[in-house]
Protein backbone atom coordinates (compact mmCIF):
# COMPACT_ATOMS: atom_id res chain seq x y z
CA MET A 1 0.14 0.09 0.09
CA LEU A 2 1.60 3.34 -1.37
CA ILE A 3 0.98 6.29 1.00
CA ASN A 4 2.04 10.64 0.16
CA CYS A 5 4.31 12.17 2.48
CA PRO A 6 1.96 14.68 4.68
CA ARG A 7 4.92 16.65 4.72
CA CYS A 8 6.95 16.78 0.86
CA GLY A 9 4.16 14.72 -0.62
CA PHE A 10 6.68 11.93 -1.53
CA GLN A 11 4.97 8.54 -2.07
CA GLN A 12 5.79 5.60 -0.28
CA PRO A 13 4.65 1.93 0.82
CA LYS A 14 3.31 2.43 4.55
CA ASP A 15 6.04 3.37 7.29
CA LYS A 16 5.99 5.55 10.14
CA TYR A 17 8.60 7.62 8.45
CA CYS A 18 9.20 9.41 5.19
CA ALA A 19 11.59 8.01 3.46
CA GLN A 20 12.77 11.41 1.76
CA CYS A 21 12.32 13.50 4.76
CA GLY A 22 12.09 11.97 7.53
CA VAL A 23 9.36 13.23 9.48
CA ASP A 24 6.93 11.16 11.62
CA ILE A 25 4.01 10.52 9.02
CA GLU A 26 1.64 9.45 12.29
CA SER A 27 2.10 12.57 14.10
CA PHE A 28 2.87 15.11 11.97
CA LYS A 29 0.43 17.68 12.17
CA PRO A 30 0.88 20.52 9.02
CA VAL A 31 0.80 23.55 9.80
CA THR A 32 -2.18 25.68 9.27
CA PRO A 33 -1.81 28.77 6.64
CA PRO A 34 -2.24 31.95 7.78
CA ALA A 35 -5.92 33.49 7.60
CA TRP A 36 -5.24 35.90 4.49
CA LYS A 37 -3.53 32.63 2.35
CA ARG A 38 -6.93 30.75 3.14
CA PHE A 39 -8.83 33.51 2.05
CA PHE A 40 -7.42 34.28 -0.94
CA GLY A 41 -6.68 31.03 -2.13
CA ASN A 42 -10.65 30.49 -1.80
CA PRO A 43 -12.07 30.85 -5.71
CA LEU A 44 -14.99 32.54 -4.54
CA ALA A 45 -13.09 34.98 -2.41
CA GLN A 46 -10.96 36.03 -5.45
CA LEU A 47 -14.54 36.43 -7.68
CA SER A 48 -15.20 38.71 -4.58
CA LEU A 49 -12.40 40.56 -4.79
CA LEU A 50 -12.90 40.64 -8.07
CA ILE A 51 -16.49 42.08 -8.45
CA ILE A 52 -15.21 44.77 -5.72
CA VAL A 53 -12.63 45.97 -7.68
CA ALA A 54 -14.79 46.52 -10.38
CA GLY A 55 -17.49 48.18 -8.69
CA GLY A 56 -14.72 50.43 -6.93
CA VAL A 57 -13.57 52.08 -10.50
CA GLY A 58 -17.11 52.22 -11.47
CA VAL A 59 -18.01 54.43 -8.80
CA SER A 60 -14.72 56.58 -9.48
CA LEU A 61 -15.57 57.09 -12.63
CA TYR A 62 -19.70 58.14 -11.68
CA GLN A 63 -17.63 60.47 -9.07
CA LYS A 64 -15.80 62.15 -11.48
CA GLY A 65 -18.55 62.87 -14.30
CA GLN A 66 -20.42 64.35 -11.28
CA GLN A 67 -17.39 66.43 -10.23
CA ASN A 68 -17.48 67.22 -14.36
CA LEU A 69 -21.20 68.49 -13.11
CA GLU A 70 -20.41 69.97 -10.68
CA ARG A 71 -18.20 72.20 -12.33
CA ARG A 72 -20.25 73.01 -15.01
CA VAL A 73 -22.78 74.28 -12.64
CA SER A 74 -20.75 76.43 -10.69
CA TYR A 75 -19.55 77.97 -13.93
CA LEU A 76 -23.01 78.83 -15.25
CA LYS A 77 -24.27 79.52 -11.73
CA SER A 78 -21.43 82.39 -11.77
CA SER A 79 -22.25 83.46 -15.13
CA VAL A 80 -25.97 83.64 -16.04
CA GLN A 81 -26.98 86.87 -14.46
CA ILE A 82 -30.09 87.82 -17.04
CA ASN A 83 -32.64 89.49 -15.17
CA ALA A 84 -35.91 91.56 -16.08
CA SER A 85 -35.32 95.30 -16.31
CA SER A 86 -39.22 95.91 -15.50
CA ASN A 87 -40.55 96.45 -11.88
CA ASP A 88 -42.87 93.32 -12.41
CA ALA A 89 -40.08 91.04 -13.71
CA THR A 90 -37.34 92.29 -10.81
CA GLN A 91 -39.88 91.51 -7.95
CA THR A 92 -40.17 88.28 -9.59
CA LEU A 93 -36.73 87.53 -10.16
CA SER A 94 -35.51 88.82 -6.61
CA GLN A 95 -37.70 86.67 -4.88
CA ASN A 96 -34.80 84.33 -4.25
CA SER A 97 -33.11 87.46 -2.22
CA GLU A 98 -33.50 88.51 1.44
CA SER A 99 -34.34 91.74 0.20
CA SER A 100 -37.92 90.48 -1.03
CA ALA A 101 -38.99 88.56 1.71
CA ASN A 102 -41.61 90.79 2.79
CA ALA A 103 -43.20 90.51 -0.88
CA ASP A 104 -45.80 89.18 -0.31
CA THR A 105 -47.36 89.38 -4.09
CA ASP A 106 -44.58 87.70 -5.58
CA LEU A 107 -45.15 84.48 -7.28
CA PRO A 108 -42.33 81.60 -6.32
CA VAL A 109 -39.70 80.97 -8.80
CA GLU A 110 -38.42 77.59 -9.26
CA SER A 111 -34.73 76.93 -10.36
CA PRO A 112 -34.26 73.91 -12.77
CA GLN A 113 -33.20 70.33 -11.05
CA ASN A 114 -30.10 68.91 -11.81
CA PRO A 115 -29.65 65.42 -12.75
CA ASP A 116 -29.10 64.14 -9.31
CA GLY A 117 -32.91 65.96 -7.87
CA SER A 118 -30.84 68.82 -6.24
CA VAL A 119 -32.46 72.35 -6.86
CA ASN A 120 -31.25 75.99 -6.84
CA ALA A 121 -27.91 75.13 -8.94
CA TYR A 122 -28.77 77.09 -12.13
CA LYS A 123 -30.69 79.95 -9.69
CA VAL A 124 -30.39 83.56 -11.98
CA GLU A 125 -28.98 86.01 -9.59
CA ALA A 126 -30.79 88.94 -8.37
CA PRO A 127 -31.44 92.23 -8.73
CA VAL A 128 -30.31 93.71 -11.78
CA PRO A 129 -26.71 95.61 -11.55
CA ALA A 130 -27.83 99.41 -11.72
CA ASN A 131 -25.58 100.06 -15.07
CA LEU A 132 -27.32 97.41 -17.03
CA ALA A 133 -30.78 98.40 -15.69
CA ALA A 134 -30.21 101.98 -17.10
CA ASN A 135 -29.99 100.85 -20.19
CA SER A 136 -32.92 98.03 -20.40
CA SER A 137 -36.19 99.11 -20.73
CA PRO A 138 -39.68 97.06 -19.81
CA PRO A 139 -41.32 95.64 -22.89
CA SER A 140 -43.86 97.54 -24.66
CA THR A 141 -47.04 96.31 -25.84
CA ASP A 142 -46.04 95.86 -29.60
CA GLU A 143 -43.04 93.64 -28.23
CA LYS A 144 -46.02 91.50 -26.80
CA LYS A 145 -47.48 90.38 -30.44
CA ASP A 146 -46.88 88.00 -32.75
CA SER A 147 -44.91 89.49 -35.55
CA PRO A 148 -41.19 89.89 -35.33
CA LYS A 149 -40.09 92.96 -33.53
CA GLY A 150 -36.52 94.52 -33.47
CA LEU A 151 -35.84 93.76 -36.72
CA ALA A 152 -32.27 94.62 -37.79
CA GLY A 153 -31.11 97.25 -40.33
CA SER A 154 -28.87 96.51 -42.78
CA GLY A 155 -25.44 95.51 -41.92
CA ALA A 156 -26.16 95.22 -38.35
CA PRO A 157 -25.36 92.07 -36.31
CA HIS A 158 -28.95 90.82 -34.79
CA LEU A 159 -30.42 87.80 -32.80
CA ILE A 160 -32.62 85.43 -34.66
CA VAL A 161 -34.55 83.44 -32.04
CA HIS A 162 -37.25 80.82 -33.12
CA TYR A 163 -40.16 79.01 -31.70
CA ALA A 164 -41.00 75.43 -33.19
CA GLU A 165 -42.86 72.31 -32.85
CA VAL A 166 -40.32 69.76 -33.32
CA SER A 167 -41.34 65.95 -32.96
CA LYS A 168 -39.37 63.64 -30.30
CA ALA A 169 -37.60 61.69 -33.22
CA SER A 170 -36.04 64.81 -34.48
CA LEU A 171 -35.37 66.26 -31.01
CA ASN A 172 -33.64 63.09 -30.39
CA GLY A 173 -31.47 63.47 -33.47
CA LEU A 174 -30.75 67.03 -32.22
CA PHE A 175 -29.87 66.04 -28.97
CA ALA A 176 -27.25 63.55 -30.46
CA ALA A 177 -25.75 66.28 -33.17
CA SER A 178 -25.37 68.65 -29.64
CA ARG A 179 -23.65 65.59 -27.74
CA SER A 180 -20.53 65.52 -30.55
CA THR A 181 -20.12 68.84 -30.03
CA GLY A 182 -19.45 68.26 -26.74
CA GLN A 183 -22.02 71.28 -25.64
CA PHE A 184 -25.10 69.86 -24.49
CA MET A 185 -26.91 69.65 -21.08
CA ASN A 186 -29.58 67.92 -20.09
CA PHE A 187 -31.52 68.39 -17.15
CA ASN A 188 -34.34 66.96 -15.35
CA ASP A 189 -36.96 69.61 -16.84
CA TYR A 190 -35.54 70.81 -19.77
CA SER A 191 -32.75 70.32 -22.18
CA ALA A 192 -29.84 72.67 -24.08
CA GLY A 193 -26.86 73.02 -26.25
CA ILE A 194 -25.20 73.90 -29.22
CA ILE A 195 -25.92 71.94 -32.94
CA PRO A 196 -23.48 72.12 -35.68
CA SER A 197 -26.01 72.93 -38.21
CA LEU A 198 -28.91 75.27 -37.63
CA ARG A 199 -30.05 75.33 -41.08
CA ARG A 200 -30.65 71.79 -41.48
CA ALA A 201 -32.58 71.85 -37.90
CA LEU A 202 -35.18 73.81 -39.14
CA SER A 203 -35.80 72.52 -42.57
CA ASP A 204 -36.30 69.21 -41.00
CA PRO A 205 -39.43 67.70 -42.30
CA GLN A 206 -40.65 67.11 -38.65
CA SER A 207 -39.85 70.74 -37.44
CA LYS A 208 -42.32 73.27 -37.85
CA VAL A 209 -41.23 76.84 -37.02
CA LEU A 210 -44.43 78.53 -34.96
CA HIS A 211 -42.76 82.19 -34.58
CA THR A 212 -39.50 84.09 -35.69
CA GLU A 213 -38.17 87.13 -33.55
CA ASP A 214 -35.26 89.06 -35.19
CA ARG A 215 -33.44 91.30 -32.81
CA ALA A 216 -30.83 93.88 -32.99
CA LEU A 217 -28.06 93.43 -31.15
CA ASP A 218 -26.25 96.22 -29.02
CA LYS A 219 -23.55 95.42 -26.46
CA SER A 220 -24.98 97.77 -23.72
CA LYS A 221 -28.26 96.51 -23.86
CA THR A 222 -30.24 93.37 -22.46
CA LEU A 223 -32.73 92.29 -24.75
CA GLN A 224 -36.52 91.40 -23.49
CA TRP A 225 -39.83 90.15 -24.61
CA SER A 226 -42.88 88.76 -23.91
CA TYR A 227 -45.64 86.29 -25.15
CA GLY A 228 -48.77 86.12 -23.13
CA LEU A 229 -52.26 87.51 -21.89
CA LYS A 230 -53.52 88.94 -18.40
CA ASP A 231 -54.07 86.36 -15.95
CA ARG A 232 -58.33 87.31 -15.78
CA GLN A 233 -58.76 86.85 -11.96
CA ASP A 234 -55.28 88.42 -11.37
CA PRO A 235 -54.84 91.23 -14.48
CA SER A 236 -51.66 92.15 -12.87
CA ILE A 237 -50.10 88.84 -13.63
CA GLU A 238 -49.30 87.99 -17.09
CA ILE A 239 -49.61 84.61 -18.41
CA GLY A 240 -47.13 83.14 -20.90
CA LEU A 241 -43.29 83.16 -22.25
CA THR A 242 -40.50 86.29 -21.54
CA THR A 243 -36.89 85.75 -23.33
CA PHE A 244 -33.80 87.86 -21.09
CA PHE A 245 -30.89 87.54 -23.56
CA GLU A 246 -27.28 89.27 -22.42
CA ILE A 247 -24.35 89.65 -24.49
CA SER A 248 -21.05 88.77 -22.88
CA GLU A 249 -18.63 88.67 -26.14
CA MET A 250 -19.45 89.70 -29.78
CA ASP A 251 -17.35 89.80 -32.85
CA ALA A 252 -17.94 89.56 -36.66
CA THR A 253 -18.35 86.06 -36.20
CA ASN A 254 -19.36 84.50 -32.77
CA LEU A 255 -21.47 85.45 -30.15
CA ARG A 256 -21.40 84.74 -26.79
CA GLY A 257 -24.48 85.50 -24.42
CA ASN A 258 -26.44 84.55 -21.31
CA LEU A 259 -30.59 83.27 -22.03
CA GLU A 260 -32.89 83.06 -19.67
CA ILE A 261 -36.57 82.13 -20.23
CA GLN A 262 -38.87 82.63 -17.62
CA ARG A 263 -42.61 80.99 -17.49
CA THR A 264 -45.54 82.30 -15.57
CA TRP A 265 -48.01 79.32 -15.80
CA LYS A 266 -51.23 77.94 -13.89
CA GLU A 267 -49.94 74.76 -12.89
CA MET A 268 -51.31 71.67 -10.35
CA THR A 269 -50.06 71.90 -6.97
CA PRO A 270 -48.80 68.46 -5.02
CA SER A 271 -52.73 69.41 -2.89
CA GLY A 272 -54.21 69.11 -6.30
CA ALA A 273 -54.86 73.11 -6.74
CA LEU A 274 -53.76 75.44 -9.76
CA GLU A 275 -51.80 77.75 -8.99
CA ILE A 276 -49.90 80.24 -11.22
CA GLN A 277 -46.05 79.70 -10.51
CA ARG A 278 -43.01 80.83 -12.22
CA LYS A 279 -40.03 78.73 -13.27
CA SER A 280 -36.71 79.86 -15.14
CA PHE A 281 -34.70 78.44 -17.17
CA PRO A 282 -31.04 79.38 -17.98
CA ALA A 283 -28.16 78.89 -20.16
CA ILE A 284 -24.97 80.50 -21.71
CA PHE A 285 -23.83 79.61 -24.91
CA GLU A 286 -21.54 80.78 -27.66
CA ILE A 287 -22.26 80.15 -31.61
CA GLY A 288 -21.40 81.62 -35.01
CA GLY A 289 -21.09 80.45 -38.69
CA ASP A 290 -23.61 77.79 -38.98
CA THR A 291 -23.92 76.74 -35.57
CA GLY A 292 -26.98 77.34 -33.56
CA PHE A 293 -28.27 77.04 -29.75
CA PHE A 294 -31.22 75.07 -28.55
CA MET A 295 -33.53 74.67 -25.54
CA SER A 296 -36.19 72.47 -25.04
CA GLY A 297 -38.68 70.90 -22.22
CA VAL A 298 -39.93 74.69 -21.56
CA LEU A 299 -43.66 74.40 -22.21
CA PRO A 300 -46.35 72.20 -20.23
CA LEU A 301 -48.42 70.26 -22.30
CA GLN A 302 -51.26 72.44 -21.31
CA SER A 303 -52.12 76.09 -20.34
CA ASN A 304 -54.54 74.77 -17.46
CA LEU A 305 -56.62 78.40 -18.39
CA GLU A 306 -60.07 79.73 -18.76
CA ASN A 307 -59.31 81.90 -21.00
CA ASP A 308 -57.38 79.07 -23.64
CA ASP A 309 -58.57 80.17 -26.77
CA GLU A 310 -56.74 84.00 -26.36
CA LEU A 311 -53.60 82.33 -25.22
CA THR A 312 -53.56 79.51 -28.68
CA ALA A 313 -54.12 82.54 -30.85
CA ILE A 314 -50.67 83.78 -30.09
CA ASP A 315 -48.22 82.18 -32.46
CA VAL A 316 -46.05 80.66 -29.86
CA PHE A 317 -48.50 78.86 -28.16
CA LYS A 318 -50.28 77.50 -31.04
CA VAL A 319 -48.14 74.47 -30.54
CA LEU A 320 -50.77 73.60 -27.59
CA ARG A 321 -53.57 73.07 -29.95
CA SER A 322 -51.45 70.10 -31.93
CA PRO A 323 -52.54 66.32 -30.89
CA GLN A 324 -49.12 65.61 -31.23
CA PHE A 325 -47.94 68.26 -29.08
CA ARG A 326 -50.34 67.11 -26.61
CA ALA A 327 -49.87 63.78 -26.44
CA GLY A 328 -46.20 63.96 -25.89
CA GLU A 329 -44.66 63.69 -29.27
CA SER A 330 -43.18 66.62 -29.86
CA GLU A 331 -42.16 69.40 -27.89
CA LEU A 332 -41.44 73.10 -28.10
CA VAL A 333 -38.30 74.14 -29.08
CA ILE A 334 -36.20 77.49 -28.95
CA PHE A 335 -33.50 77.85 -31.65
CA VAL A 336 -31.33 80.70 -31.78
CA GLU A 337 -28.97 81.47 -34.45
CA PHE A 338 -26.71 84.53 -34.80
CA LYS A 339 -26.40 86.82 -37.89
CA LYS A 340 -23.25 88.49 -38.22
CA GLU A 341 -22.78 91.84 -40.35
CA ASN A 342 -23.19 92.07 -43.70
């Protein structure tokens, strides 16, 4: 009968001592390996370690992405400072400051949420600097009509803003095109970014331009215009969209600016009641040549107004009549382009 030595593994006929190492086979007790050797020698432990390492790498990459997003948030928060110059708009935007704590008539201004659910990351600062407010003026009555106002003269640079209904399929294409530029931002409430070809986006057969606003640019002034109508219950409040634009830098070919869309709308509260609320959608962009900027997701699917017919008579809000829009198959998209000096 052959046996193996418990110490060296030598095979020999059964005997008290090993013929190779001389150990007493019957009384020899092997030394228990250290716990770490037993742990790492276990295949299940090795697999668990591999999973932990892979998970750690994944978490590290996620945290790095979040840090990059936070840096972009901080940059945008410190850069976007567009505010209304009219008294009503100034009261609205300054609600987030301590000076408006006693303003009982102001409506709440909501800030967009980050993908992680945190709020106020993109809060628009208030109030307007004195030198900026002095150069701005409240929108006149004709600025609230459908026809484009402030048309630029020959040779003058101007900002052109298109309000269009865009199908979901085309909107997804815009998202993909914007991601390719590396300047795409997607939040819980809205999306915005640079697209390489604005003409191609506007000529898409699944896109319908509802209204175009053409404005002459002046470095010393903030542009502001509104589309909406007075609330029947409180005529001091105007339901609709207000656009603010401020130039950061402008030359013969490129435009860098701050844009804010402010929505005043009757919306459902958690308690089920309809209340008028204001919400801001800010962004910064730099465009030139054939590139353009877009923003989507700023308009709810319905107005909840008693005078809905009056609101939908305005070009921008005709999208509210669209069955595709009401079914969530299309969205109102705001396109921005820069026309350089001729």
